[in-house]
Amino acid sequence: MMRLAARHADVWHLNTDFASGVALSRMLDERCVKIGRDPAALRRSLSLRLDGAEDTFARARAAVDAGFTEILFMLGGTRADDPRSRAETVAALLPRLRALGASVPEALAQPIS
């Protein structure tokens, strides 16, 4: 699948732990270089779970620093979770995440359609 992504994909999405995602992203860079494609031409997307504002923001910052251009946040929880608490966390976090997104190069910050 990685060979296909290196050759044909516009966006490559991962739903794995962060460390594995960074390692796989580096492997994808190598495959792109091997076939003559600029690795920066392939947008990187990663799923992260919402785990409190500070932890989530720190992981988002690390993902952007590692070259990921899109981050999908999973907001689901258990029935015991308080939906109001999650909503408040998201409301507090969104402005900071949007500012973080401003650090991603313009050409790579376009929404996935």
PDB file of N, CA and C in Angstrom:
ATOM      1  N   MET A   1       0.813  -1.190   0.000  1.00  0.00           N
ATOM      2  CA  MET A   1       0.000   0.000   0.000  1.00  0.00           C
ATOM      3  C   MET A   1       0.860   1.258   0.000  1.00  0.00           C
ATOM      4  N   MET A   2       1.980   1.200   0.698  1.00  0.00           N
ATOM      5  CA  MET A   2       2.831   2.381   0.759  1.00  0.00           C
ATOM      6  C   MET A   2       3.401   2.740  -0.618  1.00  0.00           C
ATOM      7  N   ARG A   3       3.720   1.713  -1.420  1.00  0.00           N
ATOM      8  CA  ARG A   3       4.198   1.987  -2.784  1.00  0.00           C
ATOM      9  C   ARG A   3       3.135   2.704  -3.597  1.00  0.00           C
ATOM     10  N   LEU A   4       1.884   2.274  -3.463  1.00  0.00           N
ATOM     11  CA  LEU A   4       0.789   2.934  -4.178  1.00  0.00           C
ATOM     12  C   LEU A   4       0.621   4.370  -3.703  1.00  0.00           C
ATOM     13  N   ALA A   5       0.692   4.580  -2.399  1.00  0.00           N
ATOM     14  CA  ALA A   5       0.567   5.933  -1.857  1.00  0.00           C
ATOM     15  C   ALA A   5       1.693   6.823  -2.383  1.00  0.00           C
ATOM     16  N   ALA A   6       2.920   6.322  -2.366  1.00  0.00           N
ATOM     17  CA  ALA A   6       4.057   7.111  -2.835  1.00  0.00           C
ATOM     18  C   ALA A   6       3.885   7.524  -4.293  1.00  0.00           C
ATOM     19  N   ARG A   7       3.337   6.646  -5.087  1.00  0.00           N
ATOM     20  CA  ARG A   7       3.214   6.916  -6.517  1.00  0.00           C
ATOM     21  C   ARG A   7       1.958   7.715  -6.875  1.00  0.00           C
ATOM     22  N   HIS A   8       0.827   7.455  -6.207  1.00  0.00           N
ATOM     23  CA  HIS A   8      -0.439   7.982  -6.701  1.00  0.00           C
ATOM     24  C   HIS A   8      -1.233   8.865  -5.742  1.00  0.00           C
ATOM     25  N   ALA A   9      -0.991   8.788  -4.459  1.00  0.00           N
ATOM     26  CA  ALA A   9      -1.875   9.447  -3.492  1.00  0.00           C
ATOM     27  C   ALA A   9      -1.633  10.951  -3.404  1.00  0.00           C
ATOM     28  N   ASP A  10      -2.708  11.650  -3.068  1.00  0.00           N
ATOM     29  CA  ASP A  10      -2.628  13.070  -2.727  1.00  0.00           C
ATOM     30  C   ASP A  10      -2.521  13.230  -1.212  1.00  0.00           C
ATOM     31  N   VAL A  11      -3.222  12.324  -0.491  1.00  0.00           N
ATOM     32  CA  VAL A  11      -3.232  12.341   0.973  1.00  0.00           C
ATOM     33  C   VAL A  11      -3.030  10.913   1.458  1.00  0.00           C
ATOM     34  N   TRP A  12      -2.247  10.751   2.506  1.00  0.00           N
ATOM     35  CA  TRP A  12      -1.985   9.449   3.115  1.00  0.00           C
ATOM     36  C   TRP A  12      -2.433   9.540   4.556  1.00  0.00           C
ATOM     37  N   HIS A  13      -3.364   8.675   4.962  1.00  0.00           N
ATOM     38  CA  HIS A  13      -3.924   8.727   6.315  1.00  0.00           C
ATOM     39  C   HIS A  13      -3.505   7.516   7.139  1.00  0.00           C
ATOM     40  N   LEU A  14      -3.199   7.784   8.410  1.00  0.00           N
ATOM     41  CA  LEU A  14      -2.840   6.732   9.354  1.00  0.00           C
ATOM     42  C   LEU A  14      -3.756   6.773  10.562  1.00  0.00           C
ATOM     43  N   ASN A  15      -4.078   5.610  11.051  1.00  0.00           N
ATOM     44  CA  ASN A  15      -4.815   5.483  12.306  1.00  0.00           C
ATOM     45  C   ASN A  15      -4.010   4.517  13.166  1.00  0.00           C
ATOM     46  N   THR A  16      -2.924   5.037  13.731  1.00  0.00           N
ATOM     47  CA  THR A  16      -1.998   4.218  14.510  1.00  0.00           C
ATOM     48  C   THR A  16      -1.430   5.081  15.623  1.00  0.00           C
ATOM     49  N   ASP A  17      -0.599   4.512  16.456  1.00  0.00           N
ATOM     50  CA  ASP A  17       0.026   5.316  17.503  1.00  0.00           C
ATOM     51  C   ASP A  17       1.032   6.278  16.866  1.00  0.00           C
ATOM     52  N   PHE A  18       1.315   7.339  17.588  1.00  0.00           N
ATOM     53  CA  PHE A  18       2.120   8.420  17.040  1.00  0.00           C
ATOM     54  C   PHE A  18       3.522   7.965  16.610  1.00  0.00           C
ATOM     55  N   ALA A  19       4.211   7.235  17.451  1.00  0.00           N
ATOM     56  CA  ALA A  19       5.583   6.806  17.131  1.00  0.00           C
ATOM     57  C   ALA A  19       5.611   5.957  15.859  1.00  0.00           C
ATOM     58  N   SER A  20       4.667   5.045  15.731  1.00  0.00           N
ATOM     59  CA  SER A  20       4.595   4.227  14.513  1.00  0.00           C
ATOM     60  C   SER A  20       4.281   5.097  13.305  1.00  0.00           C
ATOM     61  N   GLY A  21       3.404   6.073  13.487  1.00  0.00           N
ATOM     62  CA  GLY A  21       3.048   6.972  12.394  1.00  0.00           C
ATOM     63  C   GLY A  21       4.243   7.749  11.871  1.00  0.00           C
ATOM     64  N   VAL A  22       5.071   8.246  12.787  1.00  0.00           N
ATOM     65  CA  VAL A  22       6.266   8.987  12.375  1.00  0.00           C
ATOM     66  C   VAL A  22       7.234   8.066  11.632  1.00  0.00           C
ATOM     67  N   ALA A  23       7.436   6.864  12.136  1.00  0.00           N
ATOM     68  CA  ALA A  23       8.331   5.910  11.472  1.00  0.00           C
ATOM     69  C   ALA A  23       7.815   5.556  10.078  1.00  0.00           C
ATOM     70  N   LEU A  24       6.520   5.311   9.964  1.00  0.00           N
ATOM     71  CA  LEU A  24       5.941   4.976   8.661  1.00  0.00           C
ATOM     72  C   LEU A  24       6.020   6.169   7.702  1.00  0.00           C
ATOM     73  N   SER A  25       5.838   7.360   8.222  1.00  0.00           N
ATOM     74  CA  SER A  25       5.935   8.557   7.390  1.00  0.00           C
ATOM     75  C   SER A  25       7.343   8.711   6.823  1.00  0.00           C
ATOM     76  N   ARG A  26       8.346   8.412   7.622  1.00  0.00           N
ATOM     77  CA  ARG A  26       9.735   8.464   7.130  1.00  0.00           C
ATOM     78  C   ARG A  26       9.972   7.411   6.042  1.00  0.00           C
ATOM     79  N   MET A  27       9.381   6.233   6.223  1.00  0.00           N
ATOM     80  CA  MET A  27       9.498   5.194   5.194  1.00  0.00           C
ATOM     81  C   MET A  27       8.836   5.662   3.897  1.00  0.00           C
ATOM     82  N   LEU A  28       7.695   6.336   4.031  1.00  0.00           N
ATOM     83  CA  LEU A  28       7.010   6.857   2.851  1.00  0.00           C
ATOM     84  C   LEU A  28       7.869   7.913   2.154  1.00  0.00           C
ATOM     85  N   ASP A  29       8.538   8.768   2.933  1.00  0.00           N
ATOM     86  CA  ASP A  29       9.462   9.749   2.349  1.00  0.00           C
ATOM     87  C   ASP A  29      10.514   9.047   1.498  1.00  0.00           C
ATOM     88  N   GLU A  30      11.090   7.977   2.038  1.00  0.00           N
ATOM     89  CA  GLU A  30      12.122   7.232   1.308  1.00  0.00           C
ATOM     90  C   GLU A  30      11.576   6.653   0.009  1.00  0.00           C
ATOM     91  N   ARG A  31      10.368   6.113   0.054  1.00  0.00           N
ATOM     92  CA  ARG A  31       9.762   5.551  -1.168  1.00  0.00           C
ATOM     93  C   ARG A  31       9.513   6.645  -2.203  1.00  0.00           C
ATOM     94  N   CYS A  32       9.050   7.811  -1.731  1.00  0.00           N
ATOM     95  CA  CYS A  32       8.817   8.923  -2.664  1.00  0.00           C
ATOM     96  C   CYS A  32      10.127   9.333  -3.344  1.00  0.00           C
ATOM     97  N   VAL A  33      11.172   9.496  -2.564  1.00  0.00           N
ATOM     98  CA  VAL A  33      12.477   9.888  -3.112  1.00  0.00           C
ATOM     99  C   VAL A  33      12.965   8.843  -4.109  1.00  0.00           C
ATOM    100  N   LYS A  34      12.773   7.589  -3.782  1.00  0.00           N
ATOM    101  CA  LYS A  34      13.229   6.489  -4.649  1.00  0.00           C
ATOM    102  C   LYS A  34      12.582   6.544  -6.030  1.00  0.00           C
ATOM    103  N   ILE A  35      11.321   6.991  -6.108  1.00  0.00           N
ATOM    104  CA  ILE A  35      10.646   7.056  -7.409  1.00  0.00           C
ATOM    105  C   ILE A  35      10.694   8.454  -8.026  1.00  0.00           C
ATOM    106  N   GLY A  36      11.398   9.384  -7.353  1.00  0.00           N
ATOM    107  CA  GLY A  36      11.542  10.723  -7.905  1.00  0.00           C
ATOM    108  C   GLY A  36      10.413  11.683  -7.564  1.00  0.00           C
ATOM    109  N   ARG A  37       9.637  11.381  -6.550  1.00  0.00           N
ATOM    110  CA  ARG A  37       8.550  12.271  -6.143  1.00  0.00           C
ATOM    111  C   ARG A  37       8.985  13.051  -4.906  1.00  0.00           C
ATOM    112  N   ASP A  38       8.658  14.325  -4.886  1.00  0.00           N
ATOM    113  CA  ASP A  38       8.946  15.146  -3.715  1.00  0.00           C
ATOM    114  C   ASP A  38       8.051  14.691  -2.570  1.00  0.00           C
ATOM    115  N   PRO A  39       8.610  14.219  -1.465  1.00  0.00           N
ATOM    116  CA  PRO A  39       7.780  13.754  -0.349  1.00  0.00           C
ATOM    117  C   PRO A  39       6.822  14.828   0.180  1.00  0.00           C
ATOM    118  N   ALA A  40       7.198  16.088   0.060  1.00  0.00           N
ATOM    119  CA  ALA A  40       6.344  17.178   0.539  1.00  0.00           C
ATOM    120  C   ALA A  40       5.083  17.336  -0.299  1.00  0.00           C
ATOM    121  N   ALA A  41       5.035  16.722  -1.470  1.00  0.00           N
ATOM    122  CA  ALA A  41       3.844  16.810  -2.326  1.00  0.00           C
ATOM    123  C   ALA A  41       2.720  15.904  -1.838  1.00  0.00           C
ATOM    124  N   LEU A  42       3.001  15.034  -0.902  1.00  0.00           N
ATOM    125  CA  LEU A  42       2.022  14.084  -0.380  1.00  0.00           C
ATOM    126  C   LEU A  42       1.595  14.530   1.017  1.00  0.00           C
ATOM    127  N   ARG A  43       0.340  14.955   1.138  1.00  0.00           N
ATOM    128  CA  ARG A  43      -0.158  15.385   2.447  1.00  0.00           C
ATOM    129  C   ARG A  43      -0.266  14.191   3.374  1.00  0.00           C
ATOM    130  N   ARG A  44      -0.035  14.417   4.665  1.00  0.00           N
ATOM    131  CA  ARG A  44      -0.060  13.366   5.681  1.00  0.00           C
ATOM    132  C   ARG A  44      -1.196  13.644   6.652  1.00  0.00           C
ATOM    133  N   SER A  45      -1.962  12.630   6.949  1.00  0.00           N
ATOM    134  CA  SER A  45      -3.110  12.752   7.846  1.00  0.00           C
ATOM    135  C   SER A  45      -2.996  11.711   8.952  1.00  0.00           C
ATOM    136  N   LEU A  46      -3.366  12.106  10.182  1.00  0.00           N
ATOM    137  CA  LEU A  46      -3.233  11.227  11.331  1.00  0.00           C
ATOM    138  C   LEU A  46      -4.459  11.371  12.212  1.00  0.00           C
ATOM    139  N   SER A  47      -4.955  10.263  12.739  1.00  0.00           N
ATOM    140  CA  SER A  47      -6.063  10.290  13.699  1.00  0.00           C
ATOM    141  C   SER A  47      -5.506  10.350  15.114  1.00  0.00           C
ATOM    142  N   LEU A  48      -6.052  11.246  15.922  1.00  0.00           N
ATOM    143  CA  LEU A  48      -5.678  11.350  17.331  1.00  0.00           C
ATOM    144  C   LEU A  48      -6.945  11.338  18.175  1.00  0.00           C
ATOM    145  N   ARG A  49      -6.848  10.739  19.335  1.00  0.00           N
ATOM    146  CA  ARG A  49      -7.971  10.704  20.272  1.00  0.00           C
ATOM    147  C   ARG A  49      -7.911  11.936  21.167  1.00  0.00           C
ATOM    148  N   LEU A  50      -9.063  12.507  21.444  1.00  0.00           N
ATOM    149  CA  LEU A  50      -9.152  13.649  22.346  1.00  0.00           C
ATOM    150  C   LEU A  50      -8.966  13.154  23.776  1.00  0.00           C
ATOM    151  N   ASP A  51      -7.860  13.559  24.394  1.00  0.00           N
ATOM    152  CA  ASP A  51      -7.533  13.118  25.760  1.00  0.00           C
ATOM    153  C   ASP A  51      -7.167  14.324  26.613  1.00  0.00           C
ATOM    154  N   GLY A  52      -8.073  15.248  26.784  1.00  0.00           N
ATOM    155  CA  GLY A  52      -7.768  16.446  27.557  1.00  0.00           C
ATOM    156  C   GLY A  52      -7.040  17.458  26.695  1.00  0.00           C
ATOM    157  N   ALA A  53      -7.276  18.725  26.962  1.00  0.00           N
ATOM    158  CA  ALA A  53      -6.770  19.792  26.097  1.00  0.00           C
ATOM    159  C   ALA A  53      -5.251  19.793  25.982  1.00  0.00           C
ATOM    160  N   GLU A  54      -4.534  19.740  27.079  1.00  0.00           N
ATOM    161  CA  GLU A  54      -3.074  19.859  27.012  1.00  0.00           C
ATOM    162  C   GLU A  54      -2.432  18.662  26.346  1.00  0.00           C
ATOM    163  N   ASP A  55      -2.853  17.456  26.692  1.00  0.00           N
ATOM    164  CA  ASP A  55      -2.288  16.261  26.062  1.00  0.00           C
ATOM    165  C   ASP A  55      -2.587  16.243  24.573  1.00  0.00           C
ATOM    166  N   THR A  56      -3.811  16.582  24.204  1.00  0.00           N
ATOM    167  CA  THR A  56      -4.205  16.584  22.794  1.00  0.00           C
ATOM    168  C   THR A  56      -3.422  17.633  22.018  1.00  0.00           C
ATOM    169  N   PHE A  57      -3.283  18.827  22.590  1.00  0.00           N
ATOM    170  CA  PHE A  57      -2.541  19.883  21.896  1.00  0.00           C
ATOM    171  C   PHE A  57      -1.073  19.482  21.722  1.00  0.00           C
ATOM    172  N   ALA A  58      -0.479  18.903  22.733  1.00  0.00           N
ATOM    173  CA  ALA A  58       0.928  18.492  22.642  1.00  0.00           C
ATOM    174  C   ALA A  58       1.117  17.451  21.539  1.00  0.00           C
ATOM    175  N   ARG A  59       0.189  16.501  21.442  1.00  0.00           N
ATOM    176  CA  ARG A  59       0.302  15.486  20.387  1.00  0.00           C
ATOM    177  C   ARG A  59       0.063  16.100  19.010  1.00  0.00           C
ATOM    178  N   ALA A  60      -0.849  17.048  18.920  1.00  0.00           N
ATOM    179  CA  ALA A  60      -1.098  17.727  17.640  1.00  0.00           C
ATOM    180  C   ALA A  60       0.141  18.512  17.207  1.00  0.00           C
ATOM    181  N   ARG A  61       0.753  19.219  18.143  1.00  0.00           N
ATOM    182  CA  ARG A  61       1.975  19.983  17.846  1.00  0.00           C
ATOM    183  C   ARG A  61       3.085  19.038  17.358  1.00  0.00           C
ATOM    184  N   ALA A  62       3.249  17.911  18.029  1.00  0.00           N
ATOM    185  CA  ALA A  62       4.265  16.931  17.632  1.00  0.00           C
ATOM    186  C   ALA A  62       3.963  16.364  16.248  1.00  0.00           C
ATOM    187  N   ALA A  63       2.682  16.152  15.943  1.00  0.00           N
ATOM    188  CA  ALA A  63       2.303  15.631  14.624  1.00  0.00           C
ATOM    189  C   ALA A  63       2.641  16.636  13.530  1.00  0.00           C
ATOM    190  N   VAL A  64       2.341  17.907  13.760  1.00  0.00           N
ATOM    191  CA  VAL A  64       2.676  18.943  12.780  1.00  0.00           C
ATOM    192  C   VAL A  64       4.199  19.024  12.615  1.00  0.00           C
ATOM    193  N   ASP A  65       4.926  18.984  13.727  1.00  0.00           N
ATOM    194  CA  ASP A  65       6.388  19.022  13.660  1.00  0.00           C
ATOM    195  C   ASP A  65       6.951  17.827  12.895  1.00  0.00           C
ATOM    196  N   ALA A  66       6.243  16.689  12.932  1.00  0.00           N
ATOM    197  CA  ALA A  66       6.681  15.479  12.231  1.00  0.00           C
ATOM    198  C   ALA A  66       6.254  15.465  10.763  1.00  0.00           C
ATOM    199  N   GLY A  67       5.549  16.514  10.322  1.00  0.00           N
ATOM    200  CA  GLY A  67       5.189  16.612   8.908  1.00  0.00           C
ATOM    201  C   GLY A  67       3.753  16.269   8.569  1.00  0.00           C
ATOM    202  N   PHE A  68       2.934  15.974   9.566  1.00  0.00           N
ATOM    203  CA  PHE A  68       1.524  15.699   9.286  1.00  0.00           C
ATOM    204  C   PHE A  68       0.806  17.015   9.025  1.00  0.00           C
ATOM    205  N   THR A  69      -0.021  17.038   7.983  1.00  0.00           N
ATOM    206  CA  THR A  69      -0.684  18.270   7.563  1.00  0.00           C
ATOM    207  C   THR A  69      -2.162  18.294   7.906  1.00  0.00           C
ATOM    208  N   GLU A  70      -2.734  17.154   8.209  1.00  0.00           N
ATOM    209  CA  GLU A  70      -4.124  17.065   8.635  1.00  0.00           C
ATOM    210  C   GLU A  70      -4.200  16.174   9.862  1.00  0.00           C
ATOM    211  N   ILE A  71      -5.007  16.581  10.820  1.00  0.00           N
ATOM    212  CA  ILE A  71      -5.198  15.783  12.024  1.00  0.00           C
ATOM    213  C   ILE A  71      -6.694  15.621  12.229  1.00  0.00           C
ATOM    214  N   LEU A  72      -7.118  14.374  12.344  1.00  0.00           N
ATOM    215  CA  LEU A  72      -8.512  14.062  12.605  1.00  0.00           C
ATOM    216  C   LEU A  72      -8.631  13.693  14.075  1.00  0.00           C
ATOM    217  N   PHE A  73      -9.515  14.364  14.781  1.00  0.00           N
ATOM    218  CA  PHE A  73      -9.680  14.084  16.209  1.00  0.00           C
ATOM    219  C   PHE A  73     -10.903  13.216  16.422  1.00  0.00           C
ATOM    220  N   MET A  74     -10.710  12.158  17.158  1.00  0.00           N
ATOM    221  CA  MET A  74     -11.805  11.254  17.497  1.00  0.00           C
ATOM    222  C   MET A  74     -12.380  11.713  18.833  1.00  0.00           C
ATOM    223  N   LEU A  75     -13.652  12.060  18.821  1.00  0.00           N
ATOM    224  CA  LEU A  75     -14.272  12.644  20.006  1.00  0.00           C
ATOM    225  C   LEU A  75     -15.127  11.662  20.773  1.00  0.00           C
ATOM    226  N   GLY A  76     -15.267  10.454  20.290  1.00  0.00           N
ATOM    227  CA  GLY A  76     -16.120   9.478  20.946  1.00  0.00           C
ATOM    228  C   GLY A  76     -15.620   9.118  22.326  1.00  0.00           C
ATOM    229  N   GLY A  77     -16.539   8.651  23.127  1.00  0.00           N
ATOM    230  CA  GLY A  77     -16.183   8.229  24.471  1.00  0.00           C
ATOM    231  C   GLY A  77     -17.116   7.109  24.890  1.00  0.00           C
ATOM    232  N   THR A  78     -17.102   6.833  26.134  1.00  0.00           N
ATOM    233  CA  THR A  78     -18.000   5.814  26.658  1.00  0.00           C
ATOM    234  C   THR A  78     -19.271   6.478  27.159  1.00  0.00           C
ATOM    235  N   ARG A  79     -20.271   5.694  27.459  1.00  0.00           N
ATOM    236  CA  ARG A  79     -21.510   6.250  27.995  1.00  0.00           C
ATOM    237  C   ARG A  79     -21.286   6.950  29.325  1.00  0.00           C
ATOM    238  N   ALA A  80     -20.246   6.558  30.039  1.00  0.00           N
ATOM    239  CA  ALA A  80     -19.952   7.176  31.330  1.00  0.00           C
ATOM    240  C   ALA A  80     -19.311   8.557  31.170  1.00  0.00           C
ATOM    241  N   ASP A  81     -18.752   8.842  29.981  1.00  0.00           N
ATOM    242  CA  ASP A  81     -18.134  10.150  29.758  1.00  0.00           C
ATOM    243  C   ASP A  81     -19.191  11.236  29.731  1.00  0.00           C
ATOM    244  N   ASP A  82     -18.832  12.382  30.216  1.00  0.00           N
ATOM    245  CA  ASP A  82     -19.740  13.531  30.222  1.00  0.00           C
ATOM    246  C   ASP A  82     -19.589  14.278  28.894  1.00  0.00           C
ATOM    247  N   PRO A  83     -20.628  14.255  28.034  1.00  0.00           N
ATOM    248  CA  PRO A  83     -20.511  14.933  26.735  1.00  0.00           C
ATOM    249  C   PRO A  83     -20.277  16.430  26.886  1.00  0.00           C
ATOM    250  N   ARG A  84     -20.798  17.018  27.941  1.00  0.00           N
ATOM    251  CA  ARG A  84     -20.602  18.453  28.154  1.00  0.00           C
ATOM    252  C   ARG A  84     -19.127  18.746  28.410  1.00  0.00           C
ATOM    253  N   SER A  85     -18.466  17.881  29.155  1.00  0.00           N
ATOM    254  CA  SER A  85     -17.041  18.053  29.434  1.00  0.00           C
ATOM    255  C   SER A  85     -16.228  17.956  28.150  1.00  0.00           C
ATOM    256  N   ARG A  86     -16.543  16.984  27.291  1.00  0.00           N
ATOM    257  CA  ARG A  86     -15.833  16.870  26.003  1.00  0.00           C
ATOM    258  C   ARG A  86     -16.072  18.107  25.150  1.00  0.00           C
ATOM    259  N   ALA A  87     -17.309  18.602  25.120  1.00  0.00           N
ATOM    260  CA  ALA A  87     -17.633  19.797  24.331  1.00  0.00           C
ATOM    261  C   ALA A  87     -16.851  21.006  24.836  1.00  0.00           C
ATOM    262  N   GLU A  88     -16.715  21.138  26.138  1.00  0.00           N
ATOM    263  CA  GLU A  88     -15.956  22.255  26.701  1.00  0.00           C
ATOM    264  C   GLU A  88     -14.475  22.133  26.358  1.00  0.00           C
ATOM    265  N   THR A  89     -13.956  20.919  26.395  1.00  0.00           N
ATOM    266  CA  THR A  89     -12.553  20.698  26.038  1.00  0.00           C
ATOM    267  C   THR A  89     -12.321  21.077  24.581  1.00  0.00           C
ATOM    268  N   VAL A  90     -13.212  20.646  23.709  1.00  0.00           N
ATOM    269  CA  VAL A  90     -13.082  20.966  22.286  1.00  0.00           C
ATOM    270  C   VAL A  90     -13.170  22.473  22.069  1.00  0.00           C
ATOM    271  N   ALA A  91     -14.117  23.133  22.700  1.00  0.00           N
ATOM    272  CA  ALA A  91     -14.284  24.580  22.535  1.00  0.00           C
ATOM    273  C   ALA A  91     -13.027  25.334  22.970  1.00  0.00           C
ATOM    274  N   ALA A  92     -12.403  24.879  24.048  1.00  0.00           N
ATOM    275  CA  ALA A  92     -11.181  25.529  24.519  1.00  0.00           C
ATOM    276  C   ALA A  92      -9.988  25.230  23.608  1.00  0.00           C
ATOM    277  N   LEU A  93      -9.988  24.079  23.007  1.00  0.00           N
ATOM    278  CA  LEU A  93      -8.856  23.623  22.215  1.00  0.00           C
ATOM    279  C   LEU A  93      -8.865  24.146  20.781  1.00  0.00           C
ATOM    280  N   LEU A  94     -10.026  24.349  20.194  1.00  0.00           N
ATOM    281  CA  LEU A  94     -10.108  24.708  18.773  1.00  0.00           C
ATOM    282  C   LEU A  94      -9.293  25.932  18.374  1.00  0.00           C
ATOM    283  N   PRO A  95      -9.357  27.052  19.091  1.00  0.00           N
ATOM    284  CA  PRO A  95      -8.548  28.210  18.658  1.00  0.00           C
ATOM    285  C   PRO A  95      -7.044  27.905  18.629  1.00  0.00           C
ATOM    286  N   ARG A  96      -6.572  27.141  19.583  1.00  0.00           N
ATOM    287  CA  ARG A  96      -5.155  26.787  19.617  1.00  0.00           C
ATOM    288  C   ARG A  96      -4.798  25.857  18.461  1.00  0.00           C
ATOM    289  N   LEU A  97      -5.685  24.923  18.147  1.00  0.00           N
ATOM    290  CA  LEU A  97      -5.429  24.014  17.028  1.00  0.00           C
ATOM    291  C   LEU A  97      -5.459  24.766  15.701  1.00  0.00           C
ATOM    292  N   ARG A  98      -6.375  25.704  15.569  1.00  0.00           N
ATOM    293  CA  ARG A  98      -6.426  26.500  14.330  1.00  0.00           C
ATOM    294  C   ARG A  98      -5.141  27.301  14.156  1.00  0.00           C
ATOM    295  N   ALA A  99      -4.631  27.878  15.231  1.00  0.00           N
ATOM    296  CA  ALA A  99      -3.374  28.618  15.162  1.00  0.00           C
ATOM    297  C   ALA A  99      -2.223  27.687  14.798  1.00  0.00           C
ATOM    298  N   LEU A 100      -2.260  26.486  15.330  1.00  0.00           N
ATOM    299  CA  LEU A 100      -1.247  25.487  15.003  1.00  0.00           C
ATOM    300  C   LEU A 100      -1.308  25.168  13.513  1.00  0.00           C
ATOM    301  N   GLY A 101      -2.511  25.058  12.970  1.00  0.00           N
ATOM    302  CA  GLY A 101      -2.686  24.786  11.545  1.00  0.00           C
ATOM    303  C   GLY A 101      -2.122  25.879  10.664  1.00  0.00           C
ATOM    304  N   ALA A 102      -2.050  27.111  11.188  1.00  0.00           N
ATOM    305  CA  ALA A 102      -1.495  28.218  10.416  1.00  0.00           C
ATOM    306  C   ALA A 102      -0.003  28.022  10.156  1.00  0.00           C
ATOM    307  N   SER A 103       0.648  27.156  10.935  1.00  0.00           N
ATOM    308  CA  SER A 103       2.074  26.918  10.727  1.00  0.00           C
ATOM    309  C   SER A 103       2.334  25.915   9.602  1.00  0.00           C
ATOM    310  N   VAL A 104       1.280  25.256   9.112  1.00  0.00           N
ATOM    311  CA  VAL A 104       1.416  24.301   8.012  1.00  0.00           C
ATOM    312  C   VAL A 104       1.457  25.095   6.709  1.00  0.00           C
ATOM    313  N   PRO A 105       2.380  24.762   5.791  1.00  0.00           N
ATOM    314  CA  PRO A 105       2.464  25.502   4.532  1.00  0.00           C
ATOM    315  C   PRO A 105       1.105  25.603   3.834  1.00  0.00           C
ATOM    316  N   GLU A 106       0.825  26.775   3.281  1.00  0.00           N
ATOM    317  CA  GLU A 106      -0.470  27.079   2.659  1.00  0.00           C
ATOM    318  C   GLU A 106      -0.931  26.003   1.674  1.00  0.00           C
ATOM    319  N   ALA A 107      -0.043  25.559   0.805  1.00  0.00           N
ATOM    320  CA  ALA A 107      -0.433  24.579  -0.217  1.00  0.00           C
ATOM    321  C   ALA A 107      -0.854  23.249   0.405  1.00  0.00           C
ATOM    322  N   LEU A 108      -0.370  22.953   1.598  1.00  0.00           N
ATOM    323  CA  LEU A 108      -0.682  21.687   2.215  1.00  0.00           C
ATOM    324  C   LEU A 108      -1.835  21.791   3.217  1.00  0.00           C
ATOM    325  N   ALA A 109      -2.301  22.988   3.510  1.00  0.00           N
ATOM    326  CA  ALA A 109      -3.306  23.188   4.551  1.00  0.00           C
ATOM    327  C   ALA A 109      -4.729  23.186   3.998  1.00  0.00           C
ATOM    328  N   GLN A 110      -4.901  22.799   2.754  1.00  0.00           N
ATOM    329  CA  GLN A 110      -6.240  22.795   2.161  1.00  0.00           C
ATOM    330  C   GLN A 110      -7.054  21.643   2.737  1.00  0.00           C
ATOM    331  N   PRO A 111      -8.369  21.874   2.958  1.00  0.00           N
ATOM    332  CA  PRO A 111      -9.191  20.796   3.493  1.00  0.00           C
ATOM    333  C   PRO A 111      -9.293  19.625   2.525  1.00  0.00           C
ATOM    334  N   ILE A 112      -9.494  18.448   3.088  1.00  0.00           N
ATOM    335  CA  ILE A 112      -9.706  17.245   2.274  1.00  0.00           C
ATOM    336  C   ILE A 112     -11.135  17.284   1.765  1.00  0.00           C
ATOM    337  N   SER A 113     -11.316  17.148   0.470  1.00  0.00           N
ATOM    338  CA  SER A 113     -12.684  17.174  -0.068  1.00  0.00           C
ATOM    339  C   SER A 113     -13.085  15.822  -0.591  1.00  0.00           C
TER     340      SER A 113
END
